[in-house]
Structures are given as structure tokens and as C-alpha cells.
Amino acid sequence: GVVEQRSAIVRSTTHPSFNEIFSFFLPKENLNASRLSCGVWDYDSVTSDDLIGRLVVDLGEVDWTSRDSMWHDLVDPSVCALSGSVELTLLFTLPSTLLVTVHRVIDVK
């Protein structure tokens, strides 16, 4: 099933830093067939928030031996164009925990 978690809101910047860790229950046998989807939204106090970009990571293609952070491109789905980059660290711990650290976002358009 789909599990959604939200970061804190970082106001008035196109280069927000989060350094937040999100934990997901994910059985090891489901790891290679799963995907991580991440959306970045602007925050509007009066009008509705707008999707800036989205990224999808195929967890079956992740090098789980590396603990390094990786940059992932954000794509604006409305125009199919790059709209920024997100720095993530992914860690899987047995028996069934996916840890996602969202470090920062840069070059938000």
C-alpha cells in the first residue's frame, strides 16, 4: 500500500534544507519490486499548494552497500521538465525498515 509522510515546511527559499529522516515498514522480500515517490510542493498560506516536482526511485536499482547521499532530479509533471534536485540518503535495515533521509532541495524553479 501507499504510505505518505510529510516534511516540515521551509519558508521563503528555493534551496530548503530539511535533514529529516522518514521510516517506512517494507519487508525485504518486497524491496526490489518497490518504488519511492517523492513530491516537492510550494507552500501557500492563502491559495492551494502547488506541486513543484516529483521524483521516483526504483528501489530494486539502489546500491544498498553505499551509505552516500545521492542527488535525484525533480520533474515538473505538468511540463515534463526539470524543476530542481533533491539530495537523499536511502538505507534499508533488516528485517523490514526503509530509512529515507531528505537532506535538501536545490535549484527549485
N, C-alpha and C. Protein backbone atom coordinates (compact mmCIF):
# COMPACT_ATOMS: atom_id res chain seq x y z
N GLY A 1 0.81 -1.18 0.00
CA GLY A 1 0.00 0.00 0.00
C GLY A 1 0.86 1.25 0.00
N VAL A 2 0.22 2.35 -0.19
CA VAL A 2 0.89 3.65 -0.23
C VAL A 2 0.93 4.25 1.17
N VAL A 3 2.12 4.67 1.59
CA VAL A 3 2.29 5.34 2.87
C VAL A 3 2.84 6.73 2.58
N GLU A 4 2.18 7.74 3.13
CA GLU A 4 2.60 9.13 2.88
C GLU A 4 3.11 9.75 4.16
N GLN A 5 4.24 10.46 4.05
CA GLN A 5 4.78 11.22 5.16
C GLN A 5 5.15 12.60 4.64
N ARG A 6 5.11 13.60 5.52
CA ARG A 6 5.39 14.97 5.12
C ARG A 6 6.51 15.57 5.96
N SER A 7 7.33 16.36 5.29
CA SER A 7 8.41 17.06 5.99
C SER A 7 7.87 18.34 6.62
N ALA A 8 8.74 18.99 7.34
CA ALA A 8 8.42 20.32 7.86
C ALA A 8 8.36 21.30 6.68
N ILE A 9 7.71 22.41 6.88
CA ILE A 9 7.65 23.47 5.85
C ILE A 9 8.84 24.39 6.05
N VAL A 10 9.56 24.66 4.96
CA VAL A 10 10.67 25.61 4.99
C VAL A 10 10.25 26.78 4.12
N ARG A 11 10.11 27.94 4.73
CA ARG A 11 9.55 29.10 4.04
C ARG A 11 10.61 29.98 3.37
N SER A 12 10.19 30.64 2.32
CA SER A 12 10.93 31.73 1.67
C SER A 12 12.31 31.35 1.16
N THR A 13 12.43 30.20 0.52
CA THR A 13 13.72 29.82 -0.07
C THR A 13 13.50 28.87 -1.24
N THR A 14 14.41 28.93 -2.21
CA THR A 14 14.37 27.96 -3.31
C THR A 14 15.43 26.89 -3.10
N HIS A 15 16.10 26.91 -1.92
CA HIS A 15 17.12 25.91 -1.57
C HIS A 15 16.89 25.43 -0.13
N PRO A 16 15.73 24.85 0.15
CA PRO A 16 15.44 24.46 1.55
C PRO A 16 16.29 23.28 2.02
N SER A 17 16.68 23.33 3.29
CA SER A 17 17.36 22.21 3.95
C SER A 17 16.37 21.58 4.91
N PHE A 18 16.31 20.26 4.91
CA PHE A 18 15.38 19.53 5.76
C PHE A 18 16.11 18.68 6.79
N ASN A 19 17.02 17.82 6.33
CA ASN A 19 17.72 16.88 7.21
C ASN A 19 16.75 16.11 8.10
N GLU A 20 15.71 15.59 7.47
CA GLU A 20 14.69 14.81 8.17
C GLU A 20 14.79 13.36 7.74
N ILE A 21 14.57 12.47 8.70
CA ILE A 21 14.60 11.04 8.43
C ILE A 21 13.18 10.49 8.52
N PHE A 22 12.79 9.75 7.48
CA PHE A 22 11.48 9.12 7.43
C PHE A 22 11.67 7.62 7.45
N SER A 23 10.87 6.93 8.24
CA SER A 23 10.97 5.48 8.38
C SER A 23 9.73 4.83 7.81
N PHE A 24 9.95 3.79 6.97
CA PHE A 24 8.85 3.07 6.35
C PHE A 24 9.00 1.58 6.62
N PHE A 25 7.91 0.92 6.93
CA PHE A 25 7.90 -0.53 7.05
C PHE A 25 7.88 -1.10 5.64
N LEU A 26 8.87 -1.95 5.32
CA LEU A 26 8.96 -2.55 3.99
C LEU A 26 9.64 -3.90 4.12
N PRO A 27 8.89 -4.99 4.00
CA PRO A 27 9.51 -6.32 4.10
C PRO A 27 10.59 -6.49 3.03
N LYS A 28 11.69 -7.16 3.41
CA LYS A 28 12.82 -7.34 2.49
C LYS A 28 12.40 -7.99 1.18
N GLU A 29 11.46 -8.93 1.24
CA GLU A 29 11.04 -9.60 0.01
C GLU A 29 10.30 -8.68 -0.96
N ASN A 30 9.86 -7.52 -0.49
CA ASN A 30 9.18 -6.54 -1.35
C ASN A 30 10.10 -5.43 -1.83
N LEU A 31 11.32 -5.39 -1.33
CA LEU A 31 12.23 -4.28 -1.60
C LEU A 31 12.48 -4.07 -3.09
N ASN A 32 12.85 -5.12 -3.81
CA ASN A 32 13.22 -4.96 -5.22
C ASN A 32 12.06 -4.60 -6.13
N ALA A 33 10.85 -4.83 -5.69
CA ALA A 33 9.68 -4.51 -6.51
C ALA A 33 9.03 -3.19 -6.10
N SER A 34 9.64 -2.46 -5.17
CA SER A 34 9.03 -1.23 -4.64
C SER A 34 9.66 0.02 -5.23
N ARG A 35 8.91 1.10 -5.16
CA ARG A 35 9.40 2.41 -5.60
C ARG A 35 9.15 3.44 -4.52
N LEU A 36 10.05 4.39 -4.44
CA LEU A 36 9.89 5.54 -3.54
C LEU A 36 9.51 6.73 -4.41
N SER A 37 8.40 7.35 -4.09
CA SER A 37 7.94 8.53 -4.81
C SER A 37 8.00 9.72 -3.86
N CYS A 38 8.59 10.80 -4.33
CA CYS A 38 8.78 11.99 -3.50
C CYS A 38 8.27 13.20 -4.27
N GLY A 39 7.44 13.99 -3.65
CA GLY A 39 6.95 15.23 -4.28
C GLY A 39 7.40 16.43 -3.48
N VAL A 40 7.72 17.50 -4.18
CA VAL A 40 8.08 18.77 -3.54
C VAL A 40 7.00 19.78 -3.91
N TRP A 41 6.45 20.39 -2.88
CA TRP A 41 5.34 21.33 -3.06
C TRP A 41 5.74 22.70 -2.55
N ASP A 42 5.18 23.74 -3.16
CA ASP A 42 5.35 25.07 -2.58
C ASP A 42 4.31 25.20 -1.47
N TYR A 43 4.49 26.19 -0.62
CA TYR A 43 3.54 26.41 0.46
C TYR A 43 2.87 27.76 0.23
N ASP A 44 1.56 27.74 0.16
CA ASP A 44 0.78 28.96 0.01
C ASP A 44 -0.18 29.05 1.19
N SER A 45 -0.12 30.16 1.90
CA SER A 45 -0.99 30.29 3.08
C SER A 45 -2.43 30.63 2.70
N VAL A 46 -2.64 31.22 1.52
CA VAL A 46 -3.99 31.63 1.12
C VAL A 46 -4.57 30.69 0.06
N THR A 47 -3.79 30.41 -0.98
CA THR A 47 -4.27 29.54 -2.05
C THR A 47 -3.76 28.11 -1.83
N SER A 48 -4.16 27.19 -2.69
CA SER A 48 -3.72 25.81 -2.53
C SER A 48 -2.25 25.66 -2.92
N ASP A 49 -1.57 24.71 -2.30
CA ASP A 49 -0.16 24.45 -2.58
C ASP A 49 -0.03 23.86 -3.99
N ASP A 50 1.11 24.13 -4.64
CA ASP A 50 1.35 23.65 -6.00
C ASP A 50 2.49 22.65 -6.01
N LEU A 51 2.34 21.59 -6.81
CA LEU A 51 3.40 20.61 -6.98
C LEU A 51 4.51 21.24 -7.83
N ILE A 52 5.71 21.30 -7.26
CA ILE A 52 6.87 21.84 -7.98
C ILE A 52 7.51 20.75 -8.81
N GLY A 53 7.64 19.56 -8.23
CA GLY A 53 8.26 18.46 -8.96
C GLY A 53 8.13 17.16 -8.20
N ARG A 54 8.43 16.08 -8.91
CA ARG A 54 8.31 14.75 -8.34
C ARG A 54 9.51 13.92 -8.80
N LEU A 55 9.90 12.98 -7.95
CA LEU A 55 10.93 12.03 -8.33
C LEU A 55 10.46 10.64 -7.91
N VAL A 56 10.92 9.65 -8.64
CA VAL A 56 10.60 8.26 -8.33
C VAL A 56 11.90 7.48 -8.35
N VAL A 57 12.16 6.72 -7.27
CA VAL A 57 13.35 5.88 -7.18
C VAL A 57 12.89 4.43 -7.18
N ASP A 58 13.39 3.67 -8.14
CA ASP A 58 13.12 2.23 -8.21
C ASP A 58 14.06 1.57 -7.19
N LEU A 59 13.51 1.06 -6.09
CA LEU A 59 14.34 0.53 -5.01
C LEU A 59 15.10 -0.72 -5.42
N GLY A 60 14.67 -1.38 -6.47
CA GLY A 60 15.39 -2.54 -6.98
C GLY A 60 16.70 -2.17 -7.67
N GLU A 61 16.90 -0.89 -7.97
CA GLU A 61 18.11 -0.42 -8.64
C GLU A 61 19.07 0.32 -7.71
N VAL A 62 18.75 0.37 -6.42
CA VAL A 62 19.59 1.09 -5.46
C VAL A 62 20.77 0.23 -5.03
N ASP A 63 21.94 0.84 -4.92
CA ASP A 63 23.13 0.16 -4.38
C ASP A 63 23.05 0.26 -2.85
N TRP A 64 22.57 -0.80 -2.22
CA TRP A 64 22.35 -0.79 -0.77
C TRP A 64 23.65 -0.89 0.01
N THR A 65 24.77 -1.13 -0.65
CA THR A 65 26.06 -1.17 0.06
C THR A 65 26.59 0.23 0.28
N SER A 66 26.07 1.22 -0.42
CA SER A 66 26.53 2.60 -0.28
C SER A 66 25.67 3.34 0.74
N ARG A 67 26.32 4.11 1.56
CA ARG A 67 25.58 4.95 2.52
C ARG A 67 25.68 6.42 2.15
N ASP A 68 26.19 6.67 0.94
CA ASP A 68 26.35 8.05 0.47
C ASP A 68 25.00 8.63 0.06
N SER A 69 24.88 9.94 0.21
CA SER A 69 23.68 10.59 -0.30
C SER A 69 23.79 10.68 -1.82
N MET A 70 22.64 10.78 -2.47
CA MET A 70 22.60 10.88 -3.93
C MET A 70 21.63 12.00 -4.31
N TRP A 71 21.96 12.66 -5.41
CA TRP A 71 21.08 13.69 -5.94
C TRP A 71 20.10 13.06 -6.94
N HIS A 72 18.85 13.48 -6.85
CA HIS A 72 17.80 12.99 -7.74
C HIS A 72 17.10 14.20 -8.36
N ASP A 73 16.88 14.13 -9.66
CA ASP A 73 16.20 15.23 -10.35
C ASP A 73 14.72 15.24 -10.04
N LEU A 74 14.21 16.45 -9.84
CA LEU A 74 12.76 16.65 -9.72
C LEU A 74 12.23 16.96 -11.11
N VAL A 75 11.12 16.37 -11.47
CA VAL A 75 10.50 16.65 -12.76
C VAL A 75 9.11 17.25 -12.51
N ASP A 76 8.86 18.38 -13.15
CA ASP A 76 7.54 19.01 -13.09
C ASP A 76 6.63 18.23 -14.03
N PRO A 77 5.66 17.49 -13.50
CA PRO A 77 4.83 16.65 -14.37
C PRO A 77 3.94 17.43 -15.33
N SER A 78 3.67 18.70 -15.03
CA SER A 78 2.78 19.46 -15.91
C SER A 78 3.45 19.85 -17.22
N VAL A 79 4.80 19.94 -17.21
CA VAL A 79 5.52 20.33 -18.43
C VAL A 79 6.64 19.36 -18.78
N CYS A 80 6.78 18.27 -18.01
CA CYS A 80 7.82 17.26 -18.23
C CYS A 80 9.21 17.89 -18.33
N ALA A 81 9.51 18.80 -17.41
CA ALA A 81 10.80 19.48 -17.41
C ALA A 81 11.41 19.42 -16.01
N LEU A 82 12.75 19.52 -15.95
CA LEU A 82 13.43 19.53 -14.65
C LEU A 82 12.98 20.75 -13.86
N SER A 83 12.78 20.55 -12.55
CA SER A 83 12.34 21.66 -11.71
C SER A 83 13.14 21.74 -10.43
N GLY A 84 14.31 21.07 -10.37
CA GLY A 84 15.17 21.13 -9.19
C GLY A 84 15.79 19.77 -8.92
N SER A 85 16.50 19.67 -7.80
CA SER A 85 17.15 18.42 -7.39
C SER A 85 16.98 18.22 -5.90
N VAL A 86 16.89 16.94 -5.51
CA VAL A 86 16.73 16.58 -4.10
C VAL A 86 17.88 15.67 -3.70
N GLU A 87 18.50 15.96 -2.55
CA GLU A 87 19.56 15.10 -2.01
C GLU A 87 18.94 14.15 -0.99
N LEU A 88 19.08 12.84 -1.26
CA LEU A 88 18.51 11.80 -0.40
C LEU A 88 19.58 10.80 0.00
N THR A 89 19.40 10.21 1.18
CA THR A 89 20.15 9.01 1.56
C THR A 89 19.13 7.93 1.85
N LEU A 90 19.35 6.76 1.25
CA LEU A 90 18.45 5.62 1.45
C LEU A 90 19.20 4.53 2.18
N LEU A 91 18.57 3.95 3.20
CA LEU A 91 19.18 2.88 3.98
C LEU A 91 18.10 1.86 4.29
N PHE A 92 18.41 0.59 4.04
CA PHE A 92 17.49 -0.48 4.40
C PHE A 92 18.10 -1.27 5.54
N THR A 93 17.35 -1.45 6.61
CA THR A 93 17.83 -2.24 7.74
C THR A 93 16.91 -3.43 7.94
N LEU A 94 17.53 -4.57 8.18
CA LEU A 94 16.76 -5.79 8.41
C LEU A 94 16.03 -5.72 9.74
N PRO A 95 14.86 -6.28 9.86
CA PRO A 95 14.24 -7.11 8.84
C PRO A 95 13.39 -6.34 7.84
N SER A 96 12.94 -5.11 8.17
CA SER A 96 11.94 -4.51 7.28
C SER A 96 11.78 -3.00 7.44
N THR A 97 12.90 -2.26 7.48
CA THR A 97 12.80 -0.82 7.65
C THR A 97 13.56 -0.09 6.55
N LEU A 98 12.85 0.76 5.83
CA LEU A 98 13.47 1.66 4.86
C LEU A 98 13.57 3.02 5.51
N LEU A 99 14.80 3.54 5.60
CA LEU A 99 15.04 4.87 6.14
C LEU A 99 15.38 5.80 4.99
N VAL A 100 14.65 6.90 4.89
CA VAL A 100 14.88 7.89 3.84
C VAL A 100 15.24 9.20 4.53
N THR A 101 16.45 9.69 4.27
CA THR A 101 16.85 10.99 4.79
C THR A 101 16.74 11.99 3.65
N VAL A 102 15.92 13.01 3.86
CA VAL A 102 15.80 14.10 2.90
C VAL A 102 16.69 15.23 3.42
N HIS A 103 17.79 15.47 2.70
CA HIS A 103 18.75 16.47 3.15
C HIS A 103 18.36 17.87 2.72
N ARG A 104 18.29 18.07 1.40
CA ARG A 104 17.99 19.41 0.91
C ARG A 104 17.49 19.36 -0.53
N VAL A 105 16.95 20.49 -0.95
CA VAL A 105 16.47 20.66 -2.32
C VAL A 105 17.16 21.90 -2.87
N ILE A 106 17.62 21.80 -4.13
CA ILE A 106 18.28 22.96 -4.74
C ILE A 106 17.66 23.25 -6.12
N ASP A 107 17.91 24.46 -6.57
CA ASP A 107 17.52 24.90 -7.92
C ASP A 107 16.04 24.72 -8.21
N VAL A 108 15.20 24.98 -7.21
CA VAL A 108 13.75 24.89 -7.41
C VAL A 108 13.31 25.97 -8.39
N LYS A 109 12.54 25.55 -9.36
CA LYS A 109 12.09 26.51 -10.40
C LYS A 109 10.66 26.92 -10.12
